[in-house]
PDB file of all heavy atoms in Angstrom:
ATOM      1  N   HIS A   1      17.552   1.866 -27.099  1.00  0.00           N
ATOM      2  CA  HIS A   1      16.273   1.176 -27.192  1.00  0.00           C
ATOM      3  C   HIS A   1      15.062   2.077 -26.913  1.00  0.00           C
ATOM      4  O   HIS A   1      14.113   2.102 -27.614  1.00  0.00           O
ATOM      5  CB  HIS A   1      16.252  -0.084 -26.378  1.00  0.00           C
ATOM      6  CG  HIS A   1      17.131  -1.177 -26.837  1.00  0.00           C
ATOM      7  ND1 HIS A   1      17.295  -2.313 -26.165  1.00  0.00           N
ATOM      8  CD2 HIS A   1      17.876  -1.274 -27.949  1.00  0.00           C
ATOM      9  CE1 HIS A   1      18.111  -3.134 -26.846  1.00  0.00           C
ATOM     10  NE2 HIS A   1      18.539  -2.509 -27.927  1.00  0.00           N
ATOM     11  N   VAL A   2      15.207   2.868 -25.883  1.00  0.00           N
ATOM     12  CA  VAL A   2      14.160   3.824 -25.539  1.00  0.00           C
ATOM     13  C   VAL A   2      14.019   4.805 -26.717  1.00  0.00           C
ATOM     14  O   VAL A   2      12.829   5.116 -27.111  1.00  0.00           O
ATOM     15  CB  VAL A   2      14.457   4.587 -24.177  1.00  0.00           C
ATOM     16  CG1 VAL A   2      13.532   5.790 -24.018  1.00  0.00           C
ATOM     17  CG2 VAL A   2      14.317   3.627 -23.028  1.00  0.00           C
ATOM     18  N   ASP A   3      15.037   5.405 -27.226  1.00  0.00           N
ATOM     19  CA  ASP A   3      15.011   6.335 -28.336  1.00  0.00           C
ATOM     20  C   ASP A   3      14.427   5.625 -29.598  1.00  0.00           C
ATOM     21  O   ASP A   3      13.827   6.291 -30.454  1.00  0.00           O
ATOM     22  CB  ASP A   3      16.368   6.892 -28.727  1.00  0.00           C
ATOM     23  CG  ASP A   3      16.883   7.890 -27.689  1.00  0.00           C
ATOM     24  OD1 ASP A   3      16.091   8.358 -26.849  1.00  0.00           O
ATOM     25  OD2 ASP A   3      18.040   8.288 -27.711  1.00  0.00           O
ATOM     26  N   GLY A   4      14.600   4.241 -29.687  1.00  0.00           N
ATOM     27  CA  GLY A   4      13.947   3.547 -30.812  1.00  0.00           C
ATOM     28  C   GLY A   4      12.568   3.085 -30.620  1.00  0.00           C
ATOM     29  O   GLY A   4      12.032   2.414 -31.427  1.00  0.00           O
ATOM     30  N   GLY A   5      11.936   3.523 -29.491  1.00  0.00           N
ATOM     31  CA  GLY A   5      10.557   3.221 -29.285  1.00  0.00           C
ATOM     32  C   GLY A   5      10.242   1.993 -28.461  1.00  0.00           C
ATOM     33  O   GLY A   5       9.100   1.506 -28.466  1.00  0.00           O
ATOM     34  N   VAL A   6      11.242   1.418 -27.802  1.00  0.00           N
ATOM     35  CA  VAL A   6      11.093   0.261 -26.923  1.00  0.00           C
ATOM     36  C   VAL A   6      10.842   0.737 -25.504  1.00  0.00           C
ATOM     37  O   VAL A   6      11.762   1.336 -24.947  1.00  0.00           O
ATOM     38  CB  VAL A   6      12.233  -0.707 -27.101  1.00  0.00           C
ATOM     39  CG1 VAL A   6      12.066  -1.893 -26.112  1.00  0.00           C
ATOM     40  CG2 VAL A   6      12.424  -1.181 -28.504  1.00  0.00           C
ATOM     41  N   PRO A   7       9.692   0.416 -24.902  1.00  0.00           N
ATOM     42  CA  PRO A   7       9.588   0.725 -23.496  1.00  0.00           C
ATOM     43  C   PRO A   7      10.579  -0.098 -22.658  1.00  0.00           C
ATOM     44  O   PRO A   7      10.647  -1.316 -22.884  1.00  0.00           O
ATOM     45  CB  PRO A   7       8.085   0.325 -23.127  1.00  0.00           C
ATOM     46  CG  PRO A   7       7.402   0.293 -24.455  1.00  0.00           C
ATOM     47  CD  PRO A   7       8.461  -0.103 -25.472  1.00  0.00           C
ATOM     48  N   VAL A   8      11.244   0.473 -21.704  1.00  0.00           N
ATOM     49  CA  VAL A   8      12.247  -0.226 -20.920  1.00  0.00           C
ATOM     50  C   VAL A   8      11.978   0.065 -19.458  1.00  0.00           C
ATOM     51  O   VAL A   8      11.983   1.252 -19.055  1.00  0.00           O
ATOM     52  CB  VAL A   8      13.729   0.194 -21.308  1.00  0.00           C
ATOM     53  CG1 VAL A   8      14.733  -0.488 -20.400  1.00  0.00           C
ATOM     54  CG2 VAL A   8      13.969  -0.119 -22.757  1.00  0.00           C
ATOM     55  N   ALA A   9      11.849  -0.978 -18.712  1.00  0.00           N
ATOM     56  CA  ALA A   9      11.804  -0.945 -17.205  1.00  0.00           C
ATOM     57  C   ALA A   9      13.139  -1.315 -16.697  1.00  0.00           C
ATOM     58  O   ALA A   9      13.690  -2.335 -17.131  1.00  0.00           O
ATOM     59  CB  ALA A   9      10.680  -1.812 -16.665  1.00  0.00           C
ATOM     60  N   GLN A  10      13.694  -0.595 -15.725  1.00  0.00           N
ATOM     61  CA  GLN A  10      14.977  -0.969 -15.174  1.00  0.00           C
ATOM     62  C   GLN A  10      14.836  -1.304 -13.705  1.00  0.00           C
ATOM     63  O   GLN A  10      14.200  -0.504 -12.970  1.00  0.00           O
ATOM     64  CB  GLN A  10      15.982   0.212 -15.393  1.00  0.00           C
ATOM     65  CG  GLN A  10      16.241   0.552 -16.812  1.00  0.00           C
ATOM     66  CD  GLN A  10      17.331   1.602 -16.948  1.00  0.00           C
ATOM     67  OE1 GLN A  10      18.515   1.293 -16.716  1.00  0.00           O
ATOM     68  NE2 GLN A  10      16.970   2.814 -17.258  1.00  0.00           N
ATOM     69  N   LEU A  11      15.355  -2.415 -13.362  1.00  0.00           N
ATOM     70  CA  LEU A  11      15.432  -2.838 -11.914  1.00  0.00           C
ATOM     71  C   LEU A  11      16.896  -2.909 -11.533  1.00  0.00           C
ATOM     72  O   LEU A  11      17.619  -3.601 -12.144  1.00  0.00           O
ATOM     73  CB  LEU A  11      14.726  -4.220 -11.753  1.00  0.00           C
ATOM     74  CG  LEU A  11      14.840  -4.861 -10.336  1.00  0.00           C
ATOM     75  CD1 LEU A  11      14.089  -3.945  -9.379  1.00  0.00           C
ATOM     76  CD2 LEU A  11      14.306  -6.219 -10.340  1.00  0.00           C
ATOM     77  N   SER A  12      17.251  -2.091 -10.510  1.00  0.00           N
ATOM     78  CA  SER A  12      18.594  -2.049 -10.000  1.00  0.00           C
ATOM     79  C   SER A  12      18.570  -2.631  -8.646  1.00  0.00           C
ATOM     80  O   SER A  12      17.824  -2.288  -7.769  1.00  0.00           O
ATOM     81  CB  SER A  12      19.088  -0.622  -9.945  1.00  0.00           C
ATOM     82  OG  SER A  12      20.370  -0.525  -9.513  1.00  0.00           O
ATOM     83  N   VAL A  13      19.487  -3.650  -8.444  1.00  0.00           N
ATOM     84  CA  VAL A  13      19.606  -4.299  -7.206  1.00  0.00           C
ATOM     85  C   VAL A  13      20.979  -3.894  -6.628  1.00  0.00           C
ATOM     86  O   VAL A  13      21.918  -3.765  -7.382  1.00  0.00           O
ATOM     87  CB  VAL A  13      19.576  -5.906  -7.410  1.00  0.00           C
ATOM     88  CG1 VAL A  13      19.808  -6.561  -6.085  1.00  0.00           C
ATOM     89  CG2 VAL A  13      18.193  -6.250  -7.951  1.00  0.00           C
ATOM     90  N   PRO A  14      21.119  -3.638  -5.302  1.00  0.00           N
ATOM     91  CA  PRO A  14      22.377  -3.179  -4.803  1.00  0.00           C
ATOM     92  C   PRO A  14      23.567  -3.954  -5.061  1.00  0.00           C
ATOM     93  O   PRO A  14      24.632  -3.492  -5.478  1.00  0.00           O
ATOM     94  CB  PRO A  14      22.102  -3.044  -3.257  1.00  0.00           C
ATOM     95  CG  PRO A  14      20.635  -2.978  -3.126  1.00  0.00           C
ATOM     96  CD  PRO A  14      20.068  -3.756  -4.256  1.00  0.00           C
ATOM     97  N   THR A  15      23.528  -5.316  -4.885  1.00  0.00           N
ATOM     98  CA  THR A  15      24.676  -6.199  -5.035  1.00  0.00           C
ATOM     99  C   THR A  15      24.403  -7.453  -5.727  1.00  0.00           C
ATOM    100  O   THR A  15      23.246  -7.958  -5.591  1.00  0.00           O
ATOM    101  CB  THR A  15      25.312  -6.505  -3.714  1.00  0.00           C
ATOM    102  OG1 THR A  15      24.365  -7.106  -2.836  1.00  0.00           O
ATOM    103  CG2 THR A  15      25.897  -5.255  -2.970  1.00  0.00           C
ATOM    104  N   LEU A  16      25.323  -7.891  -6.524  1.00  0.00           N
ATOM    105  CA  LEU A  16      25.207  -9.217  -7.184  1.00  0.00           C
ATOM    106  C   LEU A  16      25.801 -10.273  -6.187  1.00  0.00           C
ATOM    107  O   LEU A  16      26.905 -10.665  -6.264  1.00  0.00           O
ATOM    108  CB  LEU A  16      25.956  -9.230  -8.539  1.00  0.00           C
ATOM    109  CG  LEU A  16      25.998 -10.567  -9.286  1.00  0.00           C
ATOM    110  CD1 LEU A  16      24.523 -11.100  -9.479  1.00  0.00           C
ATOM    111  CD2 LEU A  16      26.656 -10.366 -10.675  1.00  0.00           C
ATOM    112  N   ASP A  17      24.918 -10.641  -5.335  1.00  0.00           N
ATOM    113  CA  ASP A  17      25.270 -11.700  -4.306  1.00  0.00           C
ATOM    114  C   ASP A  17      23.951 -12.355  -3.927  1.00  0.00           C
ATOM    115  O   ASP A  17      22.935 -12.134  -4.459  1.00  0.00           O
ATOM    116  CB  ASP A  17      26.024 -11.144  -3.055  1.00  0.00           C
ATOM    117  CG  ASP A  17      25.211  -9.987  -2.354  1.00  0.00           C
ATOM    118  OD1 ASP A  17      23.968  -9.830  -2.651  1.00  0.00           O
ATOM    119  OD2 ASP A  17      25.771  -9.339  -1.542  1.00  0.00           O
ATOM    120  N   ALA A  18      24.042 -13.262  -2.920  1.00  0.00           N
ATOM    121  CA  ALA A  18      22.836 -14.025  -2.539  1.00  0.00           C
ATOM    122  C   ALA A  18      21.699 -13.109  -2.079  1.00  0.00           C
ATOM    123  O   ALA A  18      20.539 -13.290  -2.390  1.00  0.00           O
ATOM    124  CB  ALA A  18      23.187 -14.993  -1.444  1.00  0.00           C
ATOM    125  N   ARG A  19      21.998 -12.086  -1.382  1.00  0.00           N
ATOM    126  CA  ARG A  19      20.950 -11.121  -0.910  1.00  0.00           C
ATOM    127  C   ARG A  19      20.311 -10.381  -2.015  1.00  0.00           C
ATOM    128  O   ARG A  19      19.103 -10.251  -2.131  1.00  0.00           O
ATOM    129  CB  ARG A  19      21.549 -10.163   0.120  1.00  0.00           C
ATOM    130  CG  ARG A  19      20.574  -9.265   0.785  1.00  0.00           C
ATOM    131  CD  ARG A  19      21.322  -8.309   1.772  1.00  0.00           C
ATOM    132  NE  ARG A  19      20.315  -7.633   2.524  1.00  0.00           N
ATOM    133  CZ  ARG A  19      19.895  -7.977   3.807  1.00  0.00           C
ATOM    134  NH1 ARG A  19      20.462  -8.995   4.361  1.00  0.00           N
ATOM    135  NH2 ARG A  19      19.015  -7.285   4.380  1.00  0.00           N
ATOM    136  N   GLY A  20      21.141  -9.911  -2.942  1.00  0.00           N
ATOM    137  CA  GLY A  20      20.620  -9.114  -4.122  1.00  0.00           C
ATOM    138  C   GLY A  20      19.817 -10.074  -5.052  1.00  0.00           C
ATOM    139  O   GLY A  20      18.722  -9.625  -5.478  1.00  0.00           O
ATOM    140  N   LEU A  21      20.249 -11.282  -5.253  1.00  0.00           N
ATOM    141  CA  LEU A  21      19.495 -12.222  -6.075  1.00  0.00           C
ATOM    142  C   LEU A  21      18.162 -12.559  -5.360  1.00  0.00           C
ATOM    143  O   LEU A  21      17.124 -12.698  -6.019  1.00  0.00           O
ATOM    144  CB  LEU A  21      20.303 -13.424  -6.375  1.00  0.00           C
ATOM    145  CG  LEU A  21      21.421 -13.249  -7.344  1.00  0.00           C
ATOM    146  CD1 LEU A  21      22.267 -14.474  -7.528  1.00  0.00           C
ATOM    147  CD2 LEU A  21      20.844 -12.795  -8.774  1.00  0.00           C
ATOM    148  N   GLY A  22      18.232 -12.784  -4.081  1.00  0.00           N
ATOM    149  CA  GLY A  22      17.025 -13.079  -3.302  1.00  0.00           C
ATOM    150  C   GLY A  22      15.968 -11.978  -3.467  1.00  0.00           C
ATOM    151  O   GLY A  22      14.812 -12.237  -3.628  1.00  0.00           O
ATOM    152  N   ALA A  23      16.451 -10.768  -3.294  1.00  0.00           N
ATOM    153  CA  ALA A  23      15.544  -9.553  -3.530  1.00  0.00           C
ATOM    154  C   ALA A  23      14.979  -9.564  -4.880  1.00  0.00           C
ATOM    155  O   ALA A  23      13.752  -9.296  -5.038  1.00  0.00           O
ATOM    156  CB  ALA A  23      16.364  -8.295  -3.150  1.00  0.00           C
ATOM    157  N   ALA A  24      15.714  -9.826  -5.925  1.00  0.00           N
ATOM    158  CA  ALA A  24      15.243  -9.868  -7.311  1.00  0.00           C
ATOM    159  C   ALA A  24      14.175 -10.970  -7.441  1.00  0.00           C
ATOM    160  O   ALA A  24      13.198 -10.780  -8.071  1.00  0.00           O
ATOM    161  CB  ALA A  24      16.379  -9.990  -8.278  1.00  0.00           C
ATOM    162  N   ILE A  25      14.477 -12.122  -6.903  1.00  0.00           N
ATOM    163  CA  ILE A  25      13.561 -13.252  -6.962  1.00  0.00           C
ATOM    164  C   ILE A  25      12.224 -12.886  -6.320  1.00  0.00           C
ATOM    165  O   ILE A  25      11.141 -13.090  -6.910  1.00  0.00           O
ATOM    166  CB  ILE A  25      14.152 -14.498  -6.332  1.00  0.00           C
ATOM    167  CG1 ILE A  25      15.267 -15.075  -7.232  1.00  0.00           C
ATOM    168  CG2 ILE A  25      13.076 -15.567  -6.082  1.00  0.00           C
ATOM    169  CD1 ILE A  25      16.119 -16.154  -6.593  1.00  0.00           C
ATOM    170  N   TYR A  26      12.281 -12.341  -5.113  1.00  0.00           N
ATOM    171  CA  TYR A  26      11.047 -11.944  -4.414  1.00  0.00           C
ATOM    172  C   TYR A  26      10.285 -10.883  -5.239  1.00  0.00           C
ATOM    173  O   TYR A  26       9.083 -10.960  -5.346  1.00  0.00           O
ATOM    174  CB  TYR A  26      11.458 -11.380  -2.994  1.00  0.00           C
ATOM    175  CG  TYR A  26      10.235 -10.996  -2.219  1.00  0.00           C
ATOM    176  CD1 TYR A  26       9.497 -11.955  -1.522  1.00  0.00           C
ATOM    177  CD2 TYR A  26       9.831  -9.671  -2.053  1.00  0.00           C
ATOM    178  CE1 TYR A  26       8.368 -11.639  -0.795  1.00  0.00           C
ATOM    179  CE2 TYR A  26       8.816  -9.266  -1.301  1.00  0.00           C
ATOM    180  CZ  TYR A  26       8.009 -10.304  -0.659  1.00  0.00           C
ATOM    181  OH  TYR A  26       7.004  -9.955   0.102  1.00  0.00           O
ATOM    182  N   PHE A  27      10.990  -9.963  -5.773  1.00  0.00           N
ATOM    183  CA  PHE A  27      10.402  -8.822  -6.555  1.00  0.00           C
ATOM    184  C   PHE A  27       9.601  -9.466  -7.751  1.00  0.00           C
ATOM    185  O   PHE A  27       8.454  -9.218  -7.978  1.00  0.00           O
ATOM    186  CB  PHE A  27      11.461  -7.892  -7.078  1.00  0.00           C
ATOM    187  CG  PHE A  27      10.917  -6.839  -8.022  1.00  0.00           C
ATOM    188  CD1 PHE A  27      10.195  -5.706  -7.576  1.00  0.00           C
ATOM    189  CD2 PHE A  27      11.025  -7.072  -9.365  1.00  0.00           C
ATOM    190  CE1 PHE A  27       9.656  -4.842  -8.450  1.00  0.00           C
ATOM    191  CE2 PHE A  27      10.556  -6.099 -10.303  1.00  0.00           C
ATOM    192  CZ  PHE A  27       9.836  -4.966  -9.840  1.00  0.00           C
ATOM    193  N   PHE A  28      10.293 -10.338  -8.564  1.00  0.00           N
ATOM    194  CA  PHE A  28       9.648 -10.869  -9.713  1.00  0.00           C
ATOM    195  C   PHE A  28       8.509 -11.815  -9.380  1.00  0.00           C
ATOM    196  O   PHE A  28       7.530 -11.872 -10.134  1.00  0.00           O
ATOM    197  CB  PHE A  28      10.681 -11.603 -10.627  1.00  0.00           C
ATOM    198  CG  PHE A  28      11.581 -10.636 -11.373  1.00  0.00           C
ATOM    199  CD1 PHE A  28      12.903 -10.604 -11.236  1.00  0.00           C
ATOM    200  CD2 PHE A  28      10.989  -9.651 -12.210  1.00  0.00           C
ATOM    201  CE1 PHE A  28      13.698  -9.712 -11.945  1.00  0.00           C
ATOM    202  CE2 PHE A  28      11.792  -8.741 -12.919  1.00  0.00           C
ATOM    203  CZ  PHE A  28      13.156  -8.789 -12.762  1.00  0.00           C
ATOM    204  N   GLU A  29       8.662 -12.629  -8.290  1.00  0.00           N
ATOM    205  CA  GLU A  29       7.541 -13.506  -7.885  1.00  0.00           C
ATOM    206  C   GLU A  29       6.290 -12.673  -7.521  1.00  0.00           C
ATOM    207  O   GLU A  29       5.215 -13.031  -7.873  1.00  0.00           O
ATOM    208  CB  GLU A  29       7.952 -14.379  -6.728  1.00  0.00           C
ATOM    209  CG  GLU A  29       8.919 -15.488  -7.151  1.00  0.00           C
ATOM    210  CD  GLU A  29       9.391 -16.370  -6.005  1.00  0.00           C
ATOM    211  OE1 GLU A  29       9.316 -15.949  -4.818  1.00  0.00           O
ATOM    212  OE2 GLU A  29       9.808 -17.491  -6.300  1.00  0.00           O
ATOM    213  N   THR A  30       6.507 -11.576  -6.844  1.00  0.00           N
ATOM    214  CA  THR A  30       5.449 -10.610  -6.461  1.00  0.00           C
ATOM    215  C   THR A  30       4.809 -10.033  -7.686  1.00  0.00           C
ATOM    216  O   THR A  30       3.555  -9.988  -7.815  1.00  0.00           O
ATOM    217  CB  THR A  30       5.898  -9.620  -5.494  1.00  0.00           C
ATOM    218  OG1 THR A  30       6.483 -10.286  -4.319  1.00  0.00           O
ATOM    219  CG2 THR A  30       4.735  -8.725  -4.975  1.00  0.00           C
ATOM    220  N   VAL A  31       5.621  -9.503  -8.584  1.00  0.00           N
ATOM    221  CA  VAL A  31       5.085  -8.885  -9.778  1.00  0.00           C
ATOM    222  C   VAL A  31       4.320  -9.899 -10.595  1.00  0.00           C
ATOM    223  O   VAL A  31       3.221  -9.606 -11.115  1.00  0.00           O
ATOM    224  CB  VAL A  31       6.287  -8.316 -10.595  1.00  0.00           C
ATOM    225  CG1 VAL A  31       5.838  -7.993 -12.094  1.00  0.00           C
ATOM    226  CG2 VAL A  31       6.911  -7.159  -9.946  1.00  0.00           C
ATOM    227  N   CYS A  32       4.811 -11.123 -10.699  1.00  0.00           N
ATOM    228  CA  CYS A  32       4.154 -12.146 -11.459  1.00  0.00           C
ATOM    229  C   CYS A  32       2.716 -12.483 -10.917  1.00  0.00           C
ATOM    230  O   CYS A  32       1.787 -12.546 -11.631  1.00  0.00           O
ATOM    231  CB  CYS A  32       5.021 -13.377 -11.495  1.00  0.00           C
ATOM    232  SG  CYS A  32       4.352 -14.745 -12.558  1.00  0.00           S
ATOM    233  N   ALA A  33       2.700 -12.644  -9.616  1.00  0.00           N
ATOM    234  CA  ALA A  33       1.413 -12.971  -8.965  1.00  0.00           C
ATOM    235  C   ALA A  33       0.414 -11.821  -9.211  1.00  0.00           C
ATOM    236  O   ALA A  33      -0.741 -12.070  -9.650  1.00  0.00           O
ATOM    237  CB  ALA A  33       1.632 -13.282  -7.517  1.00  0.00           C
ATOM    238  N   TYR A  34       0.825 -10.579  -8.926  1.00  0.00           N
ATOM    239  CA  TYR A  34      -0.062  -9.422  -9.153  1.00  0.00           C
ATOM    240  C   TYR A  34      -0.499  -9.316 -10.617  1.00  0.00           C
ATOM    241  O   TYR A  34      -1.676  -8.964 -10.897  1.00  0.00           O
ATOM    242  CB  TYR A  34       0.521  -8.101  -8.663  1.00  0.00           C
ATOM    243  CG  TYR A  34       0.407  -7.955  -7.191  1.00  0.00           C
ATOM    244  CD1 TYR A  34       1.491  -8.024  -6.314  1.00  0.00           C
ATOM    245  CD2 TYR A  34      -0.845  -7.743  -6.610  1.00  0.00           C
ATOM    246  CE1 TYR A  34       1.383  -7.844  -4.965  1.00  0.00           C
ATOM    247  CE2 TYR A  34      -0.980  -7.548  -5.236  1.00  0.00           C
ATOM    248  CZ  TYR A  34       0.144  -7.606  -4.388  1.00  0.00           C
ATOM    249  OH  TYR A  34       0.017  -7.441  -3.063  1.00  0.00           O
ATOM    250  N   SER A  35       0.429  -9.508 -11.531  1.00  0.00           N
ATOM    251  CA  SER A  35       0.089  -9.384 -12.896  1.00  0.00           C
ATOM    252  C   SER A  35      -0.974 -10.477 -13.274  1.00  0.00           C
ATOM    253  O   SER A  35      -1.871 -10.105 -14.057  1.00  0.00           O
ATOM    254  CB  SER A  35       1.404  -9.649 -13.738  1.00  0.00           C
ATOM    255  OG  SER A  35       1.104  -9.507 -15.112  1.00  0.00           O
ATOM    256  N   CYS A  36      -0.767 -11.680 -12.860  1.00  0.00           N
ATOM    257  CA  CYS A  36      -1.787 -12.681 -13.071  1.00  0.00           C
ATOM    258  C   CYS A  36      -3.130 -12.323 -12.473  1.00  0.00           C
ATOM    259  O   CYS A  36      -4.235 -12.419 -13.147  1.00  0.00           O
ATOM    260  CB  CYS A  36      -1.317 -14.017 -12.561  1.00  0.00           C
ATOM    261  SG  CYS A  36       0.030 -14.783 -13.472  1.00  0.00           S
ATOM    262  N   PHE A  37      -3.120 -11.932 -11.273  1.00  0.00           N
ATOM    263  CA  PHE A  37      -4.427 -11.535 -10.607  1.00  0.00           C
ATOM    264  C   PHE A  37      -5.146 -10.392 -11.391  1.00  0.00           C
ATOM    265  O   PHE A  37      -6.320 -10.438 -11.482  1.00  0.00           O
ATOM    266  CB  PHE A  37      -4.167 -11.124  -9.141  1.00  0.00           C
ATOM    267  CG  PHE A  37      -3.734 -12.229  -8.245  1.00  0.00           C
ATOM    268  CD1 PHE A  37      -2.868 -12.023  -7.233  1.00  0.00           C
ATOM    269  CD2 PHE A  37      -4.248 -13.512  -8.414  1.00  0.00           C
ATOM    270  CE1 PHE A  37      -2.437 -13.044  -6.439  1.00  0.00           C
ATOM    271  CE2 PHE A  37      -3.836 -14.577  -7.590  1.00  0.00           C
ATOM    272  CZ  PHE A  37      -2.927 -14.342  -6.598  1.00  0.00           C
ATOM    273  N   LEU A  38      -4.319  -9.446 -11.866  1.00  0.00           N
ATOM    274  CA  LEU A  38      -4.939  -8.326 -12.622  1.00  0.00           C
ATOM    275  C   LEU A  38      -5.567  -8.827 -13.878  1.00  0.00           C
ATOM    276  O   LEU A  38      -6.520  -8.177 -14.438  1.00  0.00           O
ATOM    277  CB  LEU A  38      -3.869  -7.297 -12.957  1.00  0.00           C
ATOM    278  CG  LEU A  38      -3.421  -6.395 -11.842  1.00  0.00           C
ATOM    279  CD1 LEU A  38      -2.218  -5.568 -12.185  1.00  0.00           C
ATOM    280  CD2 LEU A  38      -4.570  -5.472 -11.366  1.00  0.00           C
TER     281      LEU A  38
END
């Protein structure tokens, strides 16, 4: 996809468990709020 011209952001979380999903949720909620404010 990158070679085809698609910008790709990668988010890697340590583990697929409650803690990892919680971290991903927190990350996306924060990104969403900042994106809106911008």
